[in-house]
N, C-alpha and C. Protein backbone atom coordinates (compact mmCIF):
# COMPACT_ATOMS: atom_id res chain seq x y z
N MET A 1 131.19 101.29 97.29
CA MET A 1 130.52 100.22 97.98
C MET A 1 129.09 100.09 97.44
N PHE A 2 128.70 98.86 97.11
CA PHE A 2 127.36 98.61 96.58
C PHE A 2 126.36 98.48 97.72
N VAL A 3 125.28 99.23 97.60
CA VAL A 3 124.19 99.14 98.57
C VAL A 3 122.98 98.62 97.82
N PRO A 4 122.42 97.46 98.26
CA PRO A 4 121.26 96.93 97.55
C PRO A 4 120.08 97.88 97.65
N PRO A 5 119.20 97.85 96.66
CA PRO A 5 118.01 98.71 96.71
C PRO A 5 117.21 98.44 97.98
N LEU A 6 116.45 99.45 98.37
CA LEU A 6 115.67 99.37 99.60
C LEU A 6 114.75 98.17 99.61
N CYS A 7 114.10 97.86 98.48
CA CYS A 7 113.17 96.73 98.45
C CYS A 7 113.89 95.42 98.74
N ASP A 8 115.15 95.27 98.28
CA ASP A 8 115.92 94.06 98.57
C ASP A 8 116.24 93.97 100.05
N ARG A 9 116.60 95.09 100.64
CA ARG A 9 116.93 95.08 102.08
C ARG A 9 115.69 94.80 102.90
N LEU A 10 114.54 95.35 102.50
CA LEU A 10 113.31 95.12 103.25
C LEU A 10 112.88 93.67 103.17
N SER A 11 113.03 93.04 102.01
CA SER A 11 112.60 91.66 101.88
C SER A 11 113.42 90.74 102.77
N GLU A 12 114.65 91.12 103.07
CA GLU A 12 115.49 90.31 103.94
C GLU A 12 115.06 90.43 105.39
N THR A 13 114.35 91.51 105.74
CA THR A 13 113.99 91.72 107.14
C THR A 13 112.53 91.36 107.43
N ILE A 14 111.82 90.84 106.43
CA ILE A 14 110.44 90.45 106.66
C ILE A 14 110.41 89.26 107.61
N PHE A 15 109.56 89.35 108.61
CA PHE A 15 109.42 88.27 109.56
C PHE A 15 108.23 87.43 109.16
N GLN A 16 108.40 86.13 109.23
CA GLN A 16 107.28 85.26 108.91
C GLN A 16 106.19 85.42 109.94
N MET A 17 104.97 85.36 109.46
CA MET A 17 103.81 85.45 110.32
C MET A 17 103.70 84.16 111.13
N THR A 18 103.39 84.29 112.39
CA THR A 18 103.22 83.11 113.24
C THR A 18 101.93 82.38 112.89
N ARG A 19 101.85 81.15 113.31
CA ARG A 19 100.66 80.33 113.06
C ARG A 19 99.42 80.99 113.66
N ASP A 20 99.52 81.43 114.90
CA ASP A 20 98.37 82.05 115.57
C ASP A 20 97.91 83.32 114.85
N LYS A 21 98.85 84.16 114.45
CA LYS A 21 98.51 85.39 113.76
C LYS A 21 97.88 85.09 112.39
N PHE A 22 98.43 84.12 111.69
CA PHE A 22 97.90 83.74 110.38
C PHE A 22 96.46 83.23 110.53
N LEU A 23 96.22 82.39 111.54
CA LEU A 23 94.88 81.88 111.76
C LEU A 23 93.91 83.00 112.10
N LEU A 24 94.35 83.98 112.88
CA LEU A 24 93.49 85.12 113.20
C LEU A 24 93.16 85.92 111.94
N GLU A 25 94.14 86.08 111.06
CA GLU A 25 93.90 86.78 109.79
C GLU A 25 92.93 85.99 108.92
N MET A 26 93.07 84.67 108.92
CA MET A 26 92.14 83.84 108.16
C MET A 26 90.73 83.92 108.74
N ASP A 27 90.63 83.96 110.08
CA ASP A 27 89.32 84.16 110.71
C ASP A 27 88.66 85.43 110.16
N GLU A 28 89.44 86.49 110.10
CA GLU A 28 88.91 87.77 109.62
C GLU A 28 88.49 87.69 108.15
N ILE A 29 89.33 87.08 107.33
CA ILE A 29 89.03 86.93 105.91
C ILE A 29 87.71 86.18 105.73
N LEU A 30 87.48 85.18 106.56
CA LEU A 30 86.30 84.33 106.43
C LEU A 30 85.11 84.83 107.24
N GLY A 31 85.27 85.96 107.92
CA GLY A 31 84.18 86.51 108.70
C GLY A 31 83.84 85.69 109.93
N LEU A 32 84.84 85.02 110.49
CA LEU A 32 84.64 84.19 111.67
C LEU A 32 85.09 84.93 112.92
N PRO A 33 84.54 84.57 114.08
CA PRO A 33 85.03 85.17 115.32
C PRO A 33 86.51 84.82 115.52
N ALA A 34 87.27 85.76 116.06
CA ALA A 34 88.69 85.54 116.31
C ALA A 34 88.89 84.29 117.15
N GLY A 35 89.83 83.46 116.74
CA GLY A 35 90.14 82.24 117.48
C GLY A 35 89.35 81.02 117.04
N THR A 36 88.54 81.16 115.99
CA THR A 36 87.72 80.04 115.51
C THR A 36 88.57 78.96 114.85
N LEU A 37 89.39 79.35 113.90
CA LEU A 37 90.18 78.37 113.16
C LEU A 37 91.33 77.83 114.00
N ARG A 38 91.55 76.52 113.90
CA ARG A 38 92.63 75.86 114.63
C ARG A 38 93.60 75.15 113.69
N GLY A 39 93.14 74.83 112.47
CA GLY A 39 94.01 74.18 111.50
C GLY A 39 93.43 72.90 110.95
N HIS A 40 92.61 72.22 111.71
CA HIS A 40 92.07 70.93 111.29
C HIS A 40 90.85 71.06 110.38
N GLU A 41 90.31 72.25 110.26
CA GLU A 41 89.07 72.46 109.50
C GLU A 41 89.25 72.13 108.02
N LYS A 42 88.21 71.52 107.46
CA LYS A 42 88.19 71.23 106.02
C LYS A 42 87.69 72.47 105.30
N LEU A 43 88.40 72.86 104.26
CA LEU A 43 88.05 74.07 103.51
C LEU A 43 86.64 73.98 102.93
N GLU A 44 86.26 72.83 102.44
CA GLU A 44 84.94 72.67 101.82
C GLU A 44 83.80 72.88 102.83
N GLU A 45 84.11 72.80 104.12
CA GLU A 45 83.08 72.98 105.15
C GLU A 45 83.01 74.42 105.66
N LEU A 46 83.92 75.27 105.19
CA LEU A 46 83.91 76.68 105.61
C LEU A 46 82.98 77.46 104.69
N GLU A 47 81.93 77.99 105.27
CA GLU A 47 80.86 78.64 104.51
C GLU A 47 81.37 79.75 103.58
N ARG A 48 82.34 80.53 104.05
CA ARG A 48 82.79 81.67 103.25
C ARG A 48 84.11 81.42 102.53
N TRP A 49 84.50 80.15 102.39
CA TRP A 49 85.70 79.82 101.62
C TRP A 49 85.32 79.88 100.15
N ASP A 50 85.74 80.95 99.47
CA ASP A 50 85.38 81.17 98.08
C ASP A 50 86.56 81.83 97.36
N SER A 51 86.32 82.29 96.14
CA SER A 51 87.41 82.87 95.34
C SER A 51 87.95 84.14 95.98
N THR A 52 87.12 84.90 96.65
CA THR A 52 87.60 86.12 97.33
C THR A 52 88.53 85.75 98.49
N ALA A 53 88.16 84.74 99.24
CA ALA A 53 89.01 84.28 100.34
C ALA A 53 90.33 83.72 99.79
N LEU A 54 90.25 83.02 98.68
CA LEU A 54 91.45 82.46 98.06
C LEU A 54 92.43 83.57 97.68
N ILE A 55 91.93 84.61 97.04
CA ILE A 55 92.79 85.73 96.64
C ILE A 55 93.34 86.45 97.88
N SER A 56 92.52 86.59 98.89
CA SER A 56 92.98 87.23 100.14
C SER A 56 94.10 86.42 100.78
N LEU A 57 94.00 85.10 100.72
CA LEU A 57 95.05 84.24 101.26
C LEU A 57 96.35 84.43 100.49
N ILE A 58 96.26 84.53 99.17
CA ILE A 58 97.45 84.75 98.35
C ILE A 58 98.13 86.06 98.77
N VAL A 59 97.35 87.11 98.91
CA VAL A 59 97.90 88.41 99.31
C VAL A 59 98.51 88.32 100.70
N LEU A 60 97.83 87.66 101.62
CA LEU A 60 98.33 87.49 102.98
C LEU A 60 99.69 86.79 102.99
N ALA A 61 99.80 85.71 102.25
CA ALA A 61 101.06 84.95 102.19
C ALA A 61 102.18 85.75 101.54
N GLU A 62 101.85 86.45 100.47
CA GLU A 62 102.88 87.21 99.76
C GLU A 62 103.36 88.41 100.56
N THR A 63 102.45 89.13 101.20
CA THR A 63 102.85 90.34 101.91
C THR A 63 103.46 90.07 103.28
N ASN A 64 103.08 88.97 103.91
CA ASN A 64 103.58 88.70 105.25
C ASN A 64 104.68 87.65 105.31
N ASN A 65 104.68 86.71 104.40
CA ASN A 65 105.67 85.64 104.45
C ASN A 65 106.57 85.59 103.22
N ASN A 66 106.38 86.54 102.29
CA ASN A 66 107.21 86.61 101.10
C ASN A 66 107.15 85.31 100.30
N VAL A 67 105.95 84.73 100.23
CA VAL A 67 105.74 83.46 99.55
C VAL A 67 104.76 83.66 98.41
N ARG A 68 105.12 83.16 97.25
CA ARG A 68 104.23 83.23 96.08
C ARG A 68 103.45 81.92 96.00
N ILE A 69 102.12 82.06 95.98
CA ILE A 69 101.23 80.90 95.90
C ILE A 69 100.29 81.11 94.72
N SER A 70 100.11 80.06 93.95
CA SER A 70 99.17 80.15 92.83
C SER A 70 97.80 79.66 93.28
N PRO A 71 96.76 80.12 92.59
CA PRO A 71 95.42 79.61 92.92
C PRO A 71 95.34 78.08 92.80
N GLU A 72 96.06 77.51 91.84
CA GLU A 72 96.05 76.06 91.66
C GLU A 72 96.60 75.34 92.88
N GLN A 73 97.65 75.90 93.49
CA GLN A 73 98.22 75.30 94.69
C GLN A 73 97.20 75.32 95.83
N ILE A 74 96.49 76.41 95.96
CA ILE A 74 95.50 76.52 97.03
C ILE A 74 94.35 75.55 96.80
N VAL A 75 93.89 75.43 95.56
CA VAL A 75 92.79 74.53 95.25
C VAL A 75 93.15 73.09 95.60
N SER A 76 94.43 72.76 95.56
CA SER A 76 94.85 71.39 95.90
C SER A 76 94.85 71.13 97.41
N CYS A 77 94.66 72.17 98.21
CA CYS A 77 94.61 72.02 99.67
C CYS A 77 93.21 71.59 100.10
N SER A 78 93.16 70.79 101.15
CA SER A 78 91.85 70.36 101.65
C SER A 78 91.55 70.86 103.06
N THR A 79 92.58 71.27 103.80
CA THR A 79 92.37 71.75 105.17
C THR A 79 93.09 73.07 105.39
N VAL A 80 92.73 73.73 106.48
CA VAL A 80 93.41 74.97 106.87
C VAL A 80 94.89 74.67 107.14
N ALA A 81 95.19 73.52 107.72
CA ALA A 81 96.59 73.14 107.98
C ALA A 81 97.39 73.06 106.68
N ASP A 82 96.76 72.58 105.61
CA ASP A 82 97.42 72.54 104.30
C ASP A 82 97.79 73.96 103.85
N LEU A 83 96.88 74.90 104.08
CA LEU A 83 97.14 76.30 103.72
C LEU A 83 98.30 76.86 104.53
N LEU A 84 98.36 76.52 105.81
CA LEU A 84 99.45 77.00 106.66
C LEU A 84 100.79 76.52 106.13
N ARG A 85 100.87 75.25 105.76
CA ARG A 85 102.12 74.71 105.22
C ARG A 85 102.47 75.38 103.89
N LEU A 86 101.47 75.53 103.04
CA LEU A 86 101.69 76.15 101.73
C LEU A 86 102.20 77.59 101.87
N ALA A 87 101.67 78.31 102.82
CA ALA A 87 102.07 79.70 103.04
C ALA A 87 103.33 79.82 103.88
N ARG A 88 103.92 78.69 104.21
CA ARG A 88 105.17 78.64 104.99
C ARG A 88 105.04 79.42 106.29
N VAL A 89 103.94 79.17 106.99
CA VAL A 89 103.67 79.85 108.24
C VAL A 89 104.55 79.27 109.34
N GLU A 90 105.19 80.15 110.07
CA GLU A 90 106.07 79.76 111.17
C GLU A 90 105.27 78.95 112.18
N GLY A 91 105.80 77.79 112.56
CA GLY A 91 105.11 76.96 113.53
C GLY A 91 104.22 75.90 112.91
N SER A 92 104.07 75.91 111.58
CA SER A 92 103.30 74.84 110.93
C SER A 92 104.27 73.72 110.61
N SER A 93 103.81 72.50 110.73
CA SER A 93 104.69 71.37 110.50
C SER A 93 104.79 71.05 109.02
N SER A 94 105.85 70.36 108.66
CA SER A 94 106.07 69.93 107.29
C SER A 94 106.02 71.08 106.29
N VAL A 95 106.74 72.15 106.60
CA VAL A 95 106.79 73.29 105.70
C VAL A 95 107.49 72.87 104.42
N PRO A 96 106.90 73.16 103.26
CA PRO A 96 107.51 72.75 101.99
C PRO A 96 108.82 73.48 101.77
N PRO A 97 109.71 72.88 100.98
CA PRO A 97 110.99 73.54 100.70
C PRO A 97 110.78 74.88 100.00
N ALA A 98 111.73 75.76 100.15
CA ALA A 98 111.63 77.11 99.61
C ALA A 98 111.89 77.18 98.11
N SER A 99 112.07 76.07 97.46
CA SER A 99 112.50 76.06 96.07
C SER A 99 111.61 76.82 95.11
N SER A 100 110.33 76.52 95.05
CA SER A 100 109.53 77.09 93.99
C SER A 100 108.54 78.16 94.39
N ASN A 101 108.26 78.30 95.69
CA ASN A 101 107.23 79.26 96.02
C ASN A 101 107.73 80.48 96.80
N ARG A 102 109.04 80.70 96.85
CA ARG A 102 109.57 81.90 97.45
C ARG A 102 109.63 83.01 96.41
N LEU A 103 109.28 84.21 96.81
CA LEU A 103 109.40 85.35 95.91
C LEU A 103 110.87 85.66 95.71
N ALA A 104 111.24 86.05 94.52
CA ALA A 104 112.64 86.39 94.24
C ALA A 104 112.93 87.79 94.72
């Protein structure tokens, strides 16, 4: 009987991060008080939205939602809500199809 490697089994059991939890993590990344971000904020207006925050978002999406995001995809976002959709956060509307940004 074939048993898939542990990493394959673990990736199947990863639970997507909820919208609220993702926003709280983004608050922390940006040095904001917990509960600050709601989704409507424009990235260009966030004082600490920089390359470090961008990389942190990529890591957050990959480790918690099993989603691969490129820096170019993030740069094309204009609001926090855009980031939520890109990271396929549970509870965000208009989640993009899983075709190109899911980790294999």
